[in-house]
Amino acid sequence: MLSIFLFTVIVLWLVGPGIQSLSKMVAAAVRKRQEEIDLFENEAERLDRIRNPSKYLGK
């Protein structure tokens, strides 16, 4: 039982930094995707305002 514990500790010690960088990469990818979605929505509204100005009169 102790050997399994030691093995787990050693593996986590060796792989730990990789897991941290992986989590940072995932967080950065999620943030970038959200920014892309926001830009797309803003661009869609801008184009809609150009194509249909009567919808936005008085705003």
N, C-alpha and C. Protein backbone atom coordinates (compact mmCIF):
# COMPACT_ATOMS: atom_id res chain seq x y z
N MET A 1 0.83 -1.19 0.00
CA MET A 1 0.00 0.00 0.00
C MET A 1 0.87 1.25 0.00
N LEU A 2 1.93 1.24 0.75
CA LEU A 2 2.83 2.39 0.80
C LEU A 2 3.51 2.60 -0.55
N SER A 3 3.82 1.52 -1.26
CA SER A 3 4.48 1.67 -2.56
C SER A 3 3.56 2.34 -3.58
N ILE A 4 2.26 2.05 -3.52
CA ILE A 4 1.31 2.70 -4.41
C ILE A 4 1.24 4.19 -4.11
N PHE A 5 1.24 4.51 -2.82
CA PHE A 5 1.23 5.91 -2.41
C PHE A 5 2.48 6.63 -2.91
N LEU A 6 3.63 6.02 -2.72
CA LEU A 6 4.88 6.63 -3.18
C LEU A 6 4.89 6.79 -4.69
N PHE A 7 4.42 5.77 -5.39
CA PHE A 7 4.35 5.85 -6.84
C PHE A 7 3.46 7.01 -7.27
N THR A 8 2.31 7.16 -6.62
CA THR A 8 1.39 8.25 -6.94
C THR A 8 2.03 9.60 -6.67
N VAL A 9 2.72 9.73 -5.56
CA VAL A 9 3.39 10.99 -5.23
C VAL A 9 4.47 11.31 -6.26
N ILE A 10 5.24 10.32 -6.65
CA ILE A 10 6.31 10.54 -7.63
C ILE A 10 5.73 10.95 -8.98
N VAL A 11 4.68 10.25 -9.40
CA VAL A 11 4.06 10.57 -10.70
C VAL A 11 3.49 11.97 -10.67
N LEU A 12 2.80 12.34 -9.60
CA LEU A 12 2.24 13.68 -9.51
C LEU A 12 3.33 14.74 -9.45
N TRP A 13 4.42 14.42 -8.81
CA TRP A 13 5.54 15.36 -8.73
C TRP A 13 6.14 15.58 -10.11
N LEU A 14 6.24 14.51 -10.91
CA LEU A 14 6.81 14.63 -12.25
C LEU A 14 5.84 15.28 -13.25
N VAL A 15 4.57 14.98 -13.12
CA VAL A 15 3.57 15.44 -14.08
C VAL A 15 2.92 16.74 -13.65
N GLY A 16 3.04 17.11 -12.41
CA GLY A 16 2.37 18.28 -11.86
C GLY A 16 2.53 19.56 -12.66
N PRO A 17 3.75 19.95 -13.00
CA PRO A 17 3.92 21.19 -13.78
C PRO A 17 3.22 21.12 -15.13
N GLY A 18 3.20 19.94 -15.74
CA GLY A 18 2.51 19.79 -17.02
C GLY A 18 1.02 19.98 -16.86
N ILE A 19 0.45 19.51 -15.77
CA ILE A 19 -0.98 19.67 -15.51
C ILE A 19 -1.31 21.15 -15.31
N GLN A 20 -0.44 21.86 -14.61
CA GLN A 20 -0.69 23.28 -14.38
C GLN A 20 -0.65 24.06 -15.69
N SER A 21 0.33 23.75 -16.55
CA SER A 21 0.41 24.47 -17.82
C SER A 21 -0.76 24.09 -18.71
N LEU A 22 -1.23 22.86 -18.62
CA LEU A 22 -2.39 22.43 -19.40
C LEU A 22 -3.63 23.21 -18.98
N SER A 23 -3.81 23.38 -17.67
CA SER A 23 -4.97 24.13 -17.20
C SER A 23 -4.89 25.59 -17.64
N LYS A 24 -3.69 26.17 -17.67
CA LYS A 24 -3.53 27.54 -18.14
C LYS A 24 -3.84 27.64 -19.63
N MET A 25 -3.43 26.62 -20.39
CA MET A 25 -3.71 26.62 -21.82
C MET A 25 -5.21 26.52 -22.08
N VAL A 26 -5.89 25.69 -21.32
CA VAL A 26 -7.33 25.54 -21.49
C VAL A 26 -8.04 26.85 -21.14
N ALA A 27 -7.62 27.47 -20.05
CA ALA A 27 -8.24 28.75 -19.65
C ALA A 27 -8.01 29.82 -20.71
N ALA A 28 -6.82 29.86 -21.28
CA ALA A 28 -6.53 30.85 -22.32
C ALA A 28 -7.36 30.57 -23.58
N ALA A 29 -7.53 29.30 -23.92
CA ALA A 29 -8.34 28.95 -25.10
C ALA A 29 -9.79 29.33 -24.89
N VAL A 30 -10.32 29.11 -23.69
CA VAL A 30 -11.71 29.48 -23.39
C VAL A 30 -11.87 30.99 -23.46
N ARG A 31 -10.91 31.71 -22.90
CA ARG A 31 -10.96 33.18 -22.93
C ARG A 31 -10.92 33.69 -24.38
N LYS A 32 -10.03 33.12 -25.19
CA LYS A 32 -9.91 33.54 -26.58
C LYS A 32 -11.20 33.25 -27.34
N ARG A 33 -11.78 32.09 -27.11
CA ARG A 33 -13.04 31.75 -27.80
C ARG A 33 -14.15 32.71 -27.41
N GLN A 34 -14.23 33.09 -26.14
CA GLN A 34 -15.25 34.04 -25.70
C GLN A 34 -15.05 35.39 -26.37
N GLU A 35 -13.79 35.82 -26.52
CA GLU A 35 -13.51 37.08 -27.20
C GLU A 35 -13.94 37.01 -28.66
N GLU A 36 -13.71 35.86 -29.31
CA GLU A 36 -14.13 35.69 -30.70
C GLU A 36 -15.65 35.76 -30.82
N ILE A 37 -16.35 35.14 -29.88
CA ILE A 37 -17.82 35.18 -29.89
C ILE A 37 -18.30 36.61 -29.73
N ASP A 38 -17.70 37.35 -28.80
CA ASP A 38 -18.08 38.75 -28.58
C ASP A 38 -17.85 39.58 -29.84
N LEU A 39 -16.70 39.39 -30.49
CA LEU A 39 -16.40 40.13 -31.71
C LEU A 39 -17.40 39.79 -32.81
N PHE A 40 -17.75 38.50 -32.93
CA PHE A 40 -18.69 38.07 -33.95
C PHE A 40 -20.06 38.71 -33.72
N GLU A 41 -20.50 38.74 -32.48
CA GLU A 41 -21.80 39.34 -32.17
C GLU A 41 -21.80 40.83 -32.48
N ASN A 42 -20.72 41.51 -32.13
CA ASN A 42 -20.63 42.95 -32.42
C ASN A 42 -20.62 43.20 -33.92
N GLU A 43 -19.90 42.37 -34.65
CA GLU A 43 -19.84 42.53 -36.10
C GLU A 43 -21.19 42.24 -36.73
N ALA A 44 -21.91 41.24 -36.24
CA ALA A 44 -23.23 40.92 -36.76
C ALA A 44 -24.19 42.09 -36.54
N GLU A 45 -24.14 42.70 -35.38
CA GLU A 45 -25.02 43.85 -35.13
C GLU A 45 -24.63 45.03 -36.01
N ARG A 46 -23.36 45.26 -36.19
CA ARG A 46 -22.90 46.36 -37.04
C ARG A 46 -23.40 46.18 -38.47
N LEU A 47 -23.27 44.96 -38.99
CA LEU A 47 -23.73 44.69 -40.35
C LEU A 47 -25.25 44.82 -40.45
N ASP A 48 -25.95 44.38 -39.41
CA ASP A 48 -27.40 44.49 -39.40
C ASP A 48 -27.82 45.96 -39.40
N ARG A 49 -27.10 46.80 -38.66
CA ARG A 49 -27.41 48.23 -38.65
C ARG A 49 -27.19 48.84 -40.03
N ILE A 50 -26.17 48.37 -40.76
CA ILE A 50 -25.91 48.88 -42.10
C ILE A 50 -27.01 48.41 -43.07
N ARG A 51 -27.39 47.15 -42.97
CA ARG A 51 -28.37 46.58 -43.90
C ARG A 51 -29.79 47.03 -43.60
N ASN A 52 -30.12 47.24 -42.34
CA ASN A 52 -31.48 47.58 -41.92
C ASN A 52 -31.49 48.81 -41.01
N PRO A 53 -31.17 49.96 -41.54
CA PRO A 53 -31.09 51.14 -40.68
C PRO A 53 -32.44 51.54 -40.07
N SER A 54 -33.54 51.16 -40.73
CA SER A 54 -34.86 51.55 -40.20
C SER A 54 -35.16 50.86 -38.88
N LYS A 55 -34.56 49.69 -38.63
CA LYS A 55 -34.78 48.99 -37.36
C LYS A 55 -34.16 49.75 -36.19
N TYR A 56 -33.17 50.59 -36.50
CA TYR A 56 -32.41 51.23 -35.44
C TYR A 56 -32.66 52.73 -35.34
N LEU A 57 -33.68 53.23 -36.01
CA LEU A 57 -33.98 54.65 -35.94
C LEU A 57 -34.38 55.03 -34.52
N GLY A 58 -33.84 56.11 -34.04
CA GLY A 58 -34.17 56.58 -32.71
C GLY A 58 -33.41 55.90 -31.60
N LYS A 59 -32.46 55.05 -31.91
CA LYS A 59 -31.67 54.39 -30.86
C LYS A 59 -30.30 55.01 -30.74
